[in-house]
Amino acid sequence: MSTLTYPEAIGVGLLQGVTELFPVSSLGHSILLPALVGGRIQHDLDMTAEGSSYLAALVALHLATALALVVYFRRDWVRVIDGLLGSIRHRRVETRNEKLAWLLVLSTIPVGVAGLALEKALRNALGKPVPAAVFLALNGLVLLGAERLKRGGTGRRRAGHAAPADEPGVDPAVASDHRLTRLGYGQGAWIGAAQILALFPGISRSGVTMSAGILRGLHHEDAARFSFLLATPVILAASVLKVPELFRPENSGVLGPVLAGSLAAFVAGYVSVRFLTRYFETRSLTPFALYCFLAGAGSAVYLSL
């Protein structure tokens, strides 16, 4: 039976907190890096090994990252929940907050259904290093393709992708949420459904939803914001369903390391989302696309030798 040490848990927590939000696939990196490093780390961090506690640990780390998103976007979620409750109470959708709330609800349904039906089967079949490397390379091509095919970019600098001007006197976060409500429900569901691709290890949840948003005409920072808002309930729901696994008798020895790793994932996730929301105000997905393609293709070749 594999174990999980404190240094391993903290290292994986930092990795999870960054790669879950950066468009580079947290699950892909969680599978690939142990295989590339080898030795005891490969043994301890093998989610397919008999009696492995690694998968149970990843559940807690995902939950910690989702909580970081909740804290960072807490004001947005107050508006969203208020809008949802007001819409249900008055049986209408009139305000921007009500529209955003239902946009998020309807956009989350496709991946929720697909996750329940396919997540375990895909993880067992493809949760191995070489398939994860191949999908990481494909993730890079998806990001690059979105940048090349994006709509509505004629008035933006090719290198910098200048941000849209904020509405005068309106908080930038509120202004971004208001721009998101210009999406139709069908467009939102299409963007949300892109998360289904992230069930394949190596495909980034934030990457594919950002790509889908960009292809529907969203600016990079609005696409990133919508991606992070969409990811929060999905990660929370998936984590809550699996958290009881941590309290099985065979996982009792990893609770301390998992707690330390979760704290690391929370901090890394918060710093990452803070950085990325500013990064995408002026920059694109291209650097991440090149990284994913080169890292994925290189890992696939190396691990196949």
C-alpha atoms as a PDB file:
ATOM      1  CA  MET A   1       0.000   0.000   0.000  1.00  0.00           C
ATOM      2  CA  SER A   2       1.360   3.431  -0.963  1.00  0.00           C
ATOM      3  CA  THR A   3       1.668   6.217   1.589  1.00  0.00           C
ATOM      4  CA  LEU A   4       1.763   9.986   1.385  1.00  0.00           C
ATOM      5  CA  THR A   5       4.399  12.018   3.231  1.00  0.00           C
ATOM      6  CA  TYR A   6       4.074  15.635   4.342  1.00  0.00           C
ATOM      7  CA  PRO A   7       6.547  16.956   1.726  1.00  0.00           C
ATOM      8  CA  GLU A   8       4.744  15.011  -1.013  1.00  0.00           C
ATOM      9  CA  ALA A   9       1.330  16.283   0.119  1.00  0.00           C
ATOM     10  CA  ILE A  10       2.487  19.916   0.296  1.00  0.00           C
ATOM     11  CA  GLY A  11       4.201  19.644  -3.081  1.00  0.00           C
ATOM     12  CA  VAL A  12       1.110  18.136  -4.701  1.00  0.00           C
ATOM     13  CA  GLY A  13      -1.053  20.758  -2.983  1.00  0.00           C
ATOM     14  CA  LEU A  14       0.985  23.593  -4.472  1.00  0.00           C
ATOM     15  CA  LEU A  15       0.863  21.858  -7.860  1.00  0.00           C
ATOM     16  CA  GLN A  16      -2.901  21.370  -7.636  1.00  0.00           C
ATOM     17  CA  GLY A  17      -3.610  24.945  -6.569  1.00  0.00           C
ATOM     18  CA  VAL A  18      -1.702  26.329  -9.549  1.00  0.00           C
ATOM     19  CA  THR A  19      -2.558  23.873 -12.320  1.00  0.00           C
ATOM     20  CA  GLU A  20      -6.282  23.675 -11.511  1.00  0.00           C
ATOM     21  CA  LEU A  21      -6.675  27.364 -12.407  1.00  0.00           C
ATOM     22  CA  PHE A  22      -3.915  27.856 -14.955  1.00  0.00           C
ATOM     23  CA  PRO A  23      -5.136  26.380 -18.281  1.00  0.00           C
ATOM     24  CA  VAL A  24      -2.675  23.474 -18.128  1.00  0.00           C
ATOM     25  CA  SER A  25      -4.658  20.601 -16.491  1.00  0.00           C
ATOM     26  CA  SER A  26      -4.201  19.733 -12.831  1.00  0.00           C
ATOM     27  CA  LEU A  27      -5.087  16.063 -13.295  1.00  0.00           C
ATOM     28  CA  GLY A  28      -2.684  15.722 -16.208  1.00  0.00           C
ATOM     29  CA  HIS A  29       0.181  17.164 -14.147  1.00  0.00           C
ATOM     30  CA  SER A  30      -0.779  15.095 -11.099  1.00  0.00           C
ATOM     31  CA  ILE A  31      -0.365  11.961 -13.230  1.00  0.00           C
ATOM     32  CA  LEU A  32       2.635  13.014 -15.321  1.00  0.00           C
ATOM     33  CA  LEU A  33       5.024  14.546 -12.794  1.00  0.00           C
ATOM     34  CA  PRO A  34       5.271  11.480 -10.506  1.00  0.00           C
ATOM     35  CA  ALA A  35       5.884   9.302 -13.574  1.00  0.00           C
ATOM     36  CA  LEU A  36       8.617  11.635 -14.815  1.00  0.00           C
ATOM     37  CA  VAL A  37      10.309  11.946 -11.404  1.00  0.00           C
ATOM     38  CA  GLY A  38      10.184   8.209 -10.671  1.00  0.00           C
ATOM     39  CA  GLY A  39      11.358   6.485  -7.491  1.00  0.00           C
ATOM     40  CA  ARG A  40       9.349   6.643  -4.283  1.00  0.00           C
ATOM     41  CA  ILE A  41       7.365   9.640  -5.496  1.00  0.00           C
ATOM     42  CA  GLN A  42       6.097   7.649  -8.464  1.00  0.00           C
ATOM     43  CA  HIS A  43       5.119   4.825  -6.105  1.00  0.00           C
ATOM     44  CA  ASP A  44       3.372   7.051  -3.550  1.00  0.00           C
ATOM     45  CA  LEU A  45       1.619   9.244  -6.127  1.00  0.00           C
ATOM     46  CA  ASP A  46       0.181   6.525  -8.335  1.00  0.00           C
ATOM     47  CA  MET A  47      -3.604   6.774  -8.308  1.00  0.00           C
ATOM     48  CA  THR A  48      -3.988   3.434 -10.122  1.00  0.00           C
ATOM     49  CA  ALA A  49      -1.926   1.440  -7.591  1.00  0.00           C
ATOM     50  CA  GLU A  50      -3.611  -1.088  -5.320  1.00  0.00           C
ATOM     51  CA  GLY A  51      -4.554   0.596  -2.031  1.00  0.00           C
ATOM     52  CA  SER A  52      -3.307   4.015  -3.174  1.00  0.00           C
ATOM     53  CA  SER A  53      -4.308   6.988  -1.020  1.00  0.00           C
ATOM     54  CA  TYR A  54      -3.290   9.476  -3.721  1.00  0.00           C
ATOM     55  CA  LEU A  55      -6.719   9.769  -5.310  1.00  0.00           C
ATOM     56  CA  ALA A  56      -8.350  10.395  -1.936  1.00  0.00           C
ATOM     57  CA  ALA A  57      -5.785  13.119  -1.274  1.00  0.00           C
ATOM     58  CA  LEU A  58      -6.514  14.791  -4.606  1.00  0.00           C
ATOM     59  CA  VAL A  59     -10.176  15.026  -3.595  1.00  0.00           C
ATOM     60  CA  ALA A  60      -9.309  17.219  -0.614  1.00  0.00           C
ATOM     61  CA  LEU A  61      -6.880  19.318  -2.649  1.00  0.00           C
ATOM     62  CA  HIS A  62      -9.570  20.027  -5.254  1.00  0.00           C
ATOM     63  CA  LEU A  63     -11.930  21.076  -2.474  1.00  0.00           C
ATOM     64  CA  ALA A  64      -9.317  23.450  -1.063  1.00  0.00           C
ATOM     65  CA  THR A  65      -8.836  25.045  -4.487  1.00  0.00           C
ATOM     66  CA  ALA A  66     -12.599  25.488  -4.875  1.00  0.00           C
ATOM     67  CA  LEU A  67     -12.750  27.189  -1.475  1.00  0.00           C
ATOM     68  CA  ALA A  68     -10.016  29.582  -2.649  1.00  0.00           C
ATOM     69  CA  LEU A  69     -12.245  30.475  -5.615  1.00  0.00           C
ATOM     70  CA  VAL A  70     -15.199  31.028  -3.289  1.00  0.00           C
ATOM     71  CA  VAL A  71     -13.163  33.383  -1.111  1.00  0.00           C
ATOM     72  CA  TYR A  72     -11.763  35.332  -4.064  1.00  0.00           C
ATOM     73  CA  PHE A  73     -15.142  35.694  -5.806  1.00  0.00           C
ATOM     74  CA  ARG A  74     -17.151  36.003  -2.590  1.00  0.00           C
ATOM     75  CA  ARG A  75     -18.790  39.300  -3.622  1.00  0.00           C
ATOM     76  CA  ASP A  76     -19.781  37.805  -6.969  1.00  0.00           C
ATOM     77  CA  TRP A  77     -21.298  34.770  -5.272  1.00  0.00           C
ATOM     78  CA  VAL A  78     -23.282  36.980  -2.892  1.00  0.00           C
ATOM     79  CA  ARG A  79     -24.779  38.721  -5.939  1.00  0.00           C
ATOM     80  CA  VAL A  80     -25.373  35.413  -7.723  1.00  0.00           C
ATOM     81  CA  ILE A  81     -27.081  33.732  -4.761  1.00  0.00           C
ATOM     82  CA  ASP A  82     -29.160  36.847  -4.070  1.00  0.00           C
ATOM     83  CA  GLY A  83     -30.198  36.915  -7.723  1.00  0.00           C
ATOM     84  CA  LEU A  84     -31.081  33.211  -7.752  1.00  0.00           C
ATOM     85  CA  LEU A  85     -33.161  33.413  -4.568  1.00  0.00           C
ATOM     86  CA  GLY A  86     -34.890  36.594  -5.771  1.00  0.00           C
ATOM     87  CA  SER A  87     -35.693  34.999  -9.120  1.00  0.00           C
ATOM     88  CA  ILE A  88     -37.161  31.887  -7.475  1.00  0.00           C
ATOM     89  CA  ARG A  89     -39.113  33.976  -4.987  1.00  0.00           C
ATOM     90  CA  HIS A  90     -40.639  36.291  -7.608  1.00  0.00           C
ATOM     91  CA  ARG A  91     -40.744  33.713 -10.424  1.00  0.00           C
ATOM     92  CA  ARG A  92     -39.081  35.935 -12.966  1.00  0.00           C
ATOM     93  CA  VAL A  93     -35.671  36.772 -14.427  1.00  0.00           C
ATOM     94  CA  GLU A  94     -35.314  40.530 -14.774  1.00  0.00           C
ATOM     95  CA  THR A  95     -32.131  41.833 -13.154  1.00  0.00           C
ATOM     96  CA  ARG A  96     -28.566  41.203 -14.317  1.00  0.00           C
ATOM     97  CA  ASN A  97     -27.794  39.258 -11.145  1.00  0.00           C
ATOM     98  CA  GLU A  98     -30.784  36.995 -11.767  1.00  0.00           C
ATOM     99  CA  LYS A  99     -29.679  36.424 -15.372  1.00  0.00           C
ATOM    100  CA  LEU A 100     -26.110  35.614 -14.282  1.00  0.00           C
ATOM    101  CA  ALA A 101     -27.374  33.189 -11.634  1.00  0.00           C
ATOM    102  CA  TRP A 102     -29.460  31.183 -14.091  1.00  0.00           C
ATOM    103  CA  LEU A 103     -26.718  31.382 -16.704  1.00  0.00           C
ATOM    104  CA  LEU A 104     -24.374  29.642 -14.249  1.00  0.00           C
ATOM    105  CA  VAL A 105     -26.997  27.078 -13.212  1.00  0.00           C
ATOM    106  CA  LEU A 106     -27.891  26.073 -16.774  1.00  0.00           C
ATOM    107  CA  SER A 107     -24.252  26.092 -17.877  1.00  0.00           C
ATOM    108  CA  THR A 108     -23.295  23.673 -15.086  1.00  0.00           C
ATOM    109  CA  ILE A 109     -25.905  21.002 -15.848  1.00  0.00           C
ATOM    110  CA  PRO A 110     -24.166  19.354 -18.876  1.00  0.00           C
ATOM    111  CA  VAL A 111     -20.878  18.656 -17.109  1.00  0.00           C
ATOM    112  CA  GLY A 112     -22.702  17.569 -13.946  1.00  0.00           C
ATOM    113  CA  VAL A 113     -24.590  14.875 -15.834  1.00  0.00           C
ATOM    114  CA  ALA A 114     -21.548  13.806 -17.853  1.00  0.00           C
ATOM    115  CA  GLY A 115     -19.336  13.711 -14.765  1.00  0.00           C
ATOM    116  CA  LEU A 116     -21.639  11.342 -12.921  1.00  0.00           C
ATOM    117  CA  ALA A 117     -21.847   9.059 -15.955  1.00  0.00           C
ATOM    118  CA  LEU A 118     -18.294   9.102 -17.288  1.00  0.00           C
ATOM    119  CA  GLU A 119     -15.750  10.374 -14.740  1.00  0.00           C
ATOM    120  CA  LYS A 120     -14.830   7.051 -13.133  1.00  0.00           C
ATOM    121  CA  ALA A 121     -14.674   5.125 -16.404  1.00  0.00           C
ATOM    122  CA  LEU A 122     -12.481   7.738 -18.104  1.00  0.00           C
ATOM    123  CA  ARG A 123     -10.185   8.061 -15.080  1.00  0.00           C
ATOM    124  CA  ASN A 124      -9.646   4.300 -14.879  1.00  0.00           C
ATOM    125  CA  ALA A 125      -9.120   3.915 -18.625  1.00  0.00           C
ATOM    126  CA  LEU A 126      -6.993   6.999 -19.278  1.00  0.00           C
ATOM    127  CA  GLY A 127      -5.509   7.949 -15.885  1.00  0.00           C
ATOM    128  CA  LYS A 128      -2.080   6.751 -16.947  1.00  0.00           C
ATOM    129  CA  PRO A 129       1.015   8.805 -17.896  1.00  0.00           C
ATOM    130  CA  VAL A 130       1.130   8.326 -21.683  1.00  0.00           C
ATOM    131  CA  PRO A 131      -2.573   9.062 -22.343  1.00  0.00           C
ATOM    132  CA  ALA A 132      -2.348  12.064 -19.995  1.00  0.00           C
ATOM    133  CA  ALA A 133       0.677  13.356 -21.951  1.00  0.00           C
ATOM    134  CA  VAL A 134      -1.156  12.973 -25.271  1.00  0.00           C
ATOM    135  CA  PHE A 135      -4.205  14.839 -23.975  1.00  0.00           C
ATOM    136  CA  LEU A 136      -1.982  17.575 -22.526  1.00  0.00           C
ATOM    137  CA  ALA A 137      -0.540  18.116 -26.006  1.00  0.00           C
ATOM    138  CA  LEU A 138      -4.078  18.182 -27.425  1.00  0.00           C
ATOM    139  CA  ASN A 139      -5.001  20.728 -24.749  1.00  0.00           C
ATOM    140  CA  GLY A 140      -2.279  22.971 -26.135  1.00  0.00           C
ATOM    141  CA  LEU A 141      -3.726  22.653 -29.631  1.00  0.00           C
ATOM    142  CA  VAL A 142      -7.208  23.530 -28.315  1.00  0.00           C
ATOM    143  CA  LEU A 143      -5.903  26.701 -26.664  1.00  0.00           C
ATOM    144  CA  LEU A 144      -3.919  27.678 -29.739  1.00  0.00           C
ATOM    145  CA  GLY A 145      -6.895  26.982 -31.988  1.00  0.00           C
ATOM    146  CA  ALA A 146      -9.144  29.208 -29.876  1.00  0.00           C
ATOM    147  CA  GLU A 147      -6.675  32.074 -30.170  1.00  0.00           C
ATOM    148  CA  ARG A 148      -6.487  31.683 -33.939  1.00  0.00           C
ATOM    149  CA  LEU A 149     -10.237  31.350 -34.451  1.00  0.00           C
ATOM    150  CA  LYS A 150     -11.494  33.860 -31.878  1.00  0.00           C
ATOM    151  CA  ARG A 151     -14.326  36.141 -32.895  1.00  0.00           C
ATOM    152  CA  GLY A 152     -14.674  39.860 -32.354  1.00  0.00           C
ATOM    153  CA  GLY A 153     -10.937  40.600 -32.217  1.00  0.00           C
ATOM    154  CA  THR A 154     -10.635  43.185 -34.991  1.00  0.00           C
ATOM    155  CA  GLY A 155     -10.273  46.141 -32.675  1.00  0.00           C
ATOM    156  CA  ARG A 156      -7.711  44.581 -30.348  1.00  0.00           C
ATOM    157  CA  ARG A 157      -3.934  44.564 -30.486  1.00  0.00           C
ATOM    158  CA  ARG A 158      -2.634  41.254 -31.877  1.00  0.00           C
ATOM    159  CA  ALA A 159       0.007  40.888 -29.159  1.00  0.00           C
ATOM    160  CA  GLY A 160      -1.713  42.450 -26.185  1.00  0.00           C
ATOM    161  CA  HIS A 161      -5.458  41.888 -26.633  1.00  0.00           C
ATOM    162  CA  ALA A 162      -6.423  45.128 -24.900  1.00  0.00           C
ATOM    163  CA  ALA A 163      -9.171  44.865 -22.300  1.00  0.00           C
ATOM    164  CA  PRO A 164     -12.594  46.458 -22.845  1.00  0.00           C
ATOM    165  CA  ALA A 165     -13.027  49.750 -21.042  1.00  0.00           C
ATOM    166  CA  ASP A 166     -14.748  49.462 -17.663  1.00  0.00           C
ATOM    167  CA  GLU A 167     -18.121  51.127 -17.339  1.00  0.00           C
ATOM    168  CA  PRO A 168     -17.686  54.584 -15.715  1.00  0.00           C
ATOM    169  CA  GLY A 169     -18.361  54.507 -11.988  1.00  0.00           C
ATOM    170  CA  VAL A 170     -18.936  50.737 -11.915  1.00  0.00           C
ATOM    171  CA  ASP A 171     -16.744  48.258 -10.044  1.00  0.00           C
ATOM    172  CA  PRO A 172     -14.703  46.316 -12.663  1.00  0.00           C
ATOM    173  CA  ALA A 173     -15.908  42.989 -11.271  1.00  0.00           C
ATOM    174  CA  VAL A 174     -19.542  44.077 -11.513  1.00  0.00           C
ATOM    175  CA  ALA A 175     -18.951  45.435 -15.011  1.00  0.00           C
ATOM    176  CA  SER A 176     -17.465  42.082 -16.069  1.00  0.00           C
ATOM    177  CA  ASP A 177     -20.448  40.204 -14.628  1.00  0.00           C
ATOM    178  CA  HIS A 178     -22.764  42.555 -16.520  1.00  0.00           C
ATOM    179  CA  ARG A 179     -20.944  41.850 -19.775  1.00  0.00           C
ATOM    180  CA  LEU A 180     -21.312  38.115 -19.135  1.00  0.00           C
ATOM    181  CA  THR A 181     -25.094  38.493 -18.923  1.00  0.00           C
ATOM    182  CA  ARG A 182     -25.098  39.458 -22.610  1.00  0.00           C
ATOM    183  CA  LEU A 183     -24.532  35.774 -23.325  1.00  0.00           C
ATOM    184  CA  GLY A 184     -27.628  33.839 -24.267  1.00  0.00           C
ATOM    185  CA  TYR A 185     -28.536  30.778 -22.220  1.00  0.00           C
ATOM    186  CA  GLY A 186     -27.648  28.549 -25.154  1.00  0.00           C
ATOM    187  CA  GLN A 187     -24.234  30.180 -25.475  1.00  0.00           C
ATOM    188  CA  GLY A 188     -23.630  29.768 -21.744  1.00  0.00           C
ATOM    189  CA  ALA A 189     -24.623  26.097 -21.860  1.00  0.00           C
ATOM    190  CA  TRP A 190     -22.261  25.567 -24.813  1.00  0.00           C
ATOM    191  CA  ILE A 191     -19.384  27.095 -22.846  1.00  0.00           C
ATOM    192  CA  GLY A 192     -20.291  25.099 -19.737  1.00  0.00           C
ATOM    193  CA  ALA A 193     -20.504  21.866 -21.726  1.00  0.00           C
ATOM    194  CA  ALA A 194     -16.884  22.360 -22.778  1.00  0.00           C
ATOM    195  CA  GLN A 195     -15.958  21.303 -19.223  1.00  0.00           C
ATOM    196  CA  ILE A 196     -16.898  17.755 -20.200  1.00  0.00           C
ATOM    197  CA  LEU A 197     -13.619  17.564 -22.119  1.00  0.00           C
ATOM    198  CA  ALA A 198     -11.780  18.089 -18.819  1.00  0.00           C
ATOM    199  CA  LEU A 199     -12.879  14.584 -17.779  1.00  0.00           C
ATOM    200  CA  PHE A 200     -10.013  13.430 -20.006  1.00  0.00           C
ATOM    201  CA  PRO A 201      -6.756  13.610 -17.961  1.00  0.00           C
ATOM    202  CA  GLY A 202      -4.568  16.280 -19.571  1.00  0.00           C
ATOM    203  CA  ILE A 203      -7.406  18.518 -20.773  1.00  0.00           C
ATOM    204  CA  SER A 204      -7.708  21.676 -18.663  1.00  0.00           C
ATOM    205  CA  ARG A 205     -11.122  22.678 -17.295  1.00  0.00           C
ATOM    206  CA  SER A 206     -10.264  26.368 -17.247  1.00  0.00           C
ATOM    207  CA  GLY A 207      -8.534  26.093 -20.605  1.00  0.00           C
ATOM    208  CA  VAL A 208     -11.424  24.566 -22.531  1.00  0.00           C
ATOM    209  CA  THR A 209     -14.055  26.831 -20.967  1.00  0.00           C
ATOM    210  CA  MET A 210     -11.937  29.912 -21.668  1.00  0.00           C
ATOM    211  CA  SER A 211     -11.431  28.703 -25.231  1.00  0.00           C
ATOM    212  CA  ALA A 212     -15.168  28.168 -25.665  1.00  0.00           C
ATOM    213  CA  GLY A 213     -15.878  31.623 -24.239  1.00  0.00           C
ATOM    214  CA  ILE A 214     -13.345  33.279 -26.525  1.00  0.00           C
ATOM    215  CA  LEU A 215     -14.887  31.514 -29.520  1.00  0.00           C
ATOM    216  CA  ARG A 216     -18.269  32.964 -28.484  1.00  0.00           C
ATOM    217  CA  GLY A 217     -16.777  36.461 -28.560  1.00  0.00           C
ATOM    218  CA  LEU A 218     -15.839  37.028 -24.913  1.00  0.00           C
ATOM    219  CA  HIS A 219     -12.725  39.035 -24.083  1.00  0.00           C
ATOM    220  CA  HIS A 220      -9.999  37.061 -22.336  1.00  0.00           C
ATOM    221  CA  GLU A 221     -10.635  38.465 -18.855  1.00  0.00           C
ATOM    222  CA  ASP A 222     -14.394  37.877 -19.097  1.00  0.00           C
ATOM    223  CA  ALA A 223     -13.817  34.356 -20.428  1.00  0.00           C
ATOM    224  CA  ALA A 224     -11.457  33.662 -17.505  1.00  0.00           C
ATOM    225  CA  ARG A 225     -13.926  35.069 -14.985  1.00  0.00           C
ATOM    226  CA  PHE A 226     -16.795  32.981 -16.373  1.00  0.00           C
ATOM    227  CA  SER A 227     -14.536  29.922 -16.381  1.00  0.00           C
ATOM    228  CA  PHE A 228     -13.648  30.361 -12.703  1.00  0.00           C
ATOM    229  CA  LEU A 229     -17.269  30.987 -11.706  1.00  0.00           C
ATOM    230  CA  LEU A 230     -18.388  27.894 -13.640  1.00  0.00           C
ATOM    231  CA  ALA A 231     -15.657  25.726 -12.127  1.00  0.00           C
ATOM    232  CA  THR A 232     -16.518  26.529  -8.514  1.00  0.00           C
ATOM    233  CA  PRO A 233     -19.833  24.620  -8.129  1.00  0.00           C
ATOM    234  CA  VAL A 234     -18.552  21.725 -10.259  1.00  0.00           C
ATOM    235  CA  ILE A 235     -15.391  21.232  -8.176  1.00  0.00           C
ATOM    236  CA  LEU A 236     -17.301  21.693  -4.915  1.00  0.00           C
ATOM    237  CA  ALA A 237     -19.962  19.156  -5.883  1.00  0.00           C
ATOM    238  CA  ALA A 238     -17.451  16.568  -7.099  1.00  0.00           C
ATOM    239  CA  SER A 239     -15.331  17.024  -3.975  1.00  0.00           C
ATOM    240  CA  VAL A 240     -18.239  16.759  -1.557  1.00  0.00           C
ATOM    241  CA  LEU A 241     -19.335  13.507  -3.206  1.00  0.00           C
ATOM    242  CA  LYS A 242     -15.868  12.007  -2.727  1.00  0.00           C
ATOM    243  CA  VAL A 243     -14.731  13.514   0.590  1.00  0.00           C
ATOM    244  CA  PRO A 244     -16.130  10.539   2.609  1.00  0.00           C
ATOM    245  CA  GLU A 245     -13.394   8.428   0.964  1.00  0.00           C
ATOM    246  CA  LEU A 246     -10.859  10.293   3.095  1.00  0.00           C
ATOM    247  CA  PHE A 247     -12.405   8.918   6.285  1.00  0.00           C
ATOM    248  CA  ARG A 248     -12.192   5.268   5.365  1.00  0.00           C
ATOM    249  CA  PRO A 249      -9.987   3.309   7.815  1.00  0.00           C
ATOM    250  CA  GLU A 250      -7.340   2.625   5.159  1.00  0.00           C
ATOM    251  CA  ASN A 251      -6.824   6.383   4.624  1.00  0.00           C
ATOM    252  CA  SER A 252      -6.501   7.363   8.300  1.00  0.00           C
ATOM    253  CA  GLY A 253      -2.729   7.640   8.054  1.00  0.00           C
ATOM    254  CA  VAL A 254      -2.816  10.335   5.376  1.00  0.00           C
ATOM    255  CA  LEU A 255      -5.204  12.784   7.054  1.00  0.00           C
ATOM    256  CA  GLY A 256      -2.382  14.894   8.517  1.00  0.00           C
ATOM    257  CA  PRO A 257      -0.442  15.202   5.232  1.00  0.00           C
ATOM    258  CA  VAL A 258      -3.703  15.821   3.345  1.00  0.00           C
ATOM    259  CA  LEU A 259      -4.578  18.705   5.683  1.00  0.00           C
ATOM    260  CA  ALA A 260      -1.140  20.254   5.100  1.00  0.00           C
ATOM    261  CA  GLY A 261      -1.497  19.751   1.351  1.00  0.00           C
ATOM    262  CA  SER A 262      -4.968  21.288   1.384  1.00  0.00           C
ATOM    263  CA  LEU A 263      -3.677  24.437   3.070  1.00  0.00           C
ATOM    264  CA  ALA A 264      -0.962  24.662   0.419  1.00  0.00           C
ATOM    265  CA  ALA A 265      -3.551  24.157  -2.350  1.00  0.00           C
ATOM    266  CA  PHE A 266      -5.777  26.888  -0.887  1.00  0.00           C
ATOM    267  CA  VAL A 267      -2.937  29.427  -0.774  1.00  0.00           C
ATOM    268  CA  ALA A 268      -1.661  28.481  -4.237  1.00  0.00           C
ATOM    269  CA  GLY A 269      -5.186  28.607  -5.669  1.00  0.00           C
ATOM    270  CA  TYR A 270      -5.894  32.038  -4.216  1.00  0.00           C
ATOM    271  CA  VAL A 271      -2.604  33.476  -5.479  1.00  0.00           C
ATOM    272  CA  SER A 272      -3.173  31.877  -8.892  1.00  0.00           C
ATOM    273  CA  VAL A 273      -6.668  33.252  -9.439  1.00  0.00           C
ATOM    274  CA  ARG A 274      -5.547  36.689  -8.270  1.00  0.00           C
ATOM    275  CA  PHE A 275      -2.690  36.595 -10.784  1.00  0.00           C
ATOM    276  CA  LEU A 276      -4.716  35.189 -13.683  1.00  0.00           C
ATOM    277  CA  THR A 277      -7.595  37.671 -13.431  1.00  0.00           C
ATOM    278  CA  ARG A 278      -5.028  40.432 -13.948  1.00  0.00           C
ATOM    279  CA  TYR A 279      -2.958  38.525 -16.504  1.00  0.00           C
ATOM    280  CA  PHE A 280      -5.885  38.021 -18.864  1.00  0.00           C
ATOM    281  CA  GLU A 281      -6.739  41.716 -18.874  1.00  0.00           C
ATOM    282  CA  THR A 282      -3.993  42.225 -21.464  1.00  0.00           C
ATOM    283  CA  ARG A 283      -2.655  38.807 -22.471  1.00  0.00           C
ATOM    284  CA  SER A 284      -3.697  35.631 -24.233  1.00  0.00           C
ATOM    285  CA  LEU A 285      -3.686  31.832 -23.940  1.00  0.00           C
ATOM    286  CA  THR A 286      -0.813  31.408 -26.396  1.00  0.00           C
ATOM    287  CA  PRO A 287       2.046  30.904 -23.846  1.00  0.00           C
ATOM    288  CA  PHE A 288       0.021  28.210 -22.074  1.00  0.00           C
ATOM    289  CA  ALA A 289      -0.830  26.588 -25.410  1.00  0.00           C
ATOM    290  CA  LEU A 290       2.828  26.308 -26.376  1.00  0.00           C
ATOM    291  CA  TYR A 291       3.783  24.980 -22.934  1.00  0.00           C
ATOM    292  CA  CYS A 292       1.074  22.287 -22.968  1.00  0.00           C
ATOM    293  CA  PHE A 293       1.895  21.109 -26.468  1.00  0.00           C
ATOM    294  CA  LEU A 294       5.650  20.927 -25.887  1.00  0.00           C
ATOM    295  CA  ALA A 295       5.375  19.412 -22.379  1.00  0.00           C
ATOM    296  CA  GLY A 296       2.729  16.917 -23.469  1.00  0.00           C
ATOM    297  CA  ALA A 297       4.453  15.825 -26.672  1.00  0.00           C
ATOM    298  CA  GLY A 298       7.848  15.640 -24.967  1.00  0.00           C
ATOM    299  CA  SER A 299       6.463  13.599 -22.054  1.00  0.00           C
ATOM    300  CA  ALA A 300       4.642  11.217 -24.401  1.00  0.00           C
ATOM    301  CA  VAL A 301       7.857  10.528 -26.326  1.00  0.00           C
ATOM    302  CA  TYR A 302       9.983  10.179 -23.174  1.00  0.00           C
ATOM    303  CA  LEU A 303       7.541   7.874 -21.384  1.00  0.00           C
ATOM    304  CA  SER A 304       7.090   5.698 -24.478  1.00  0.00           C
ATOM    305  CA  LEU A 305      10.800   4.949 -24.819  1.00  0.00           C
END
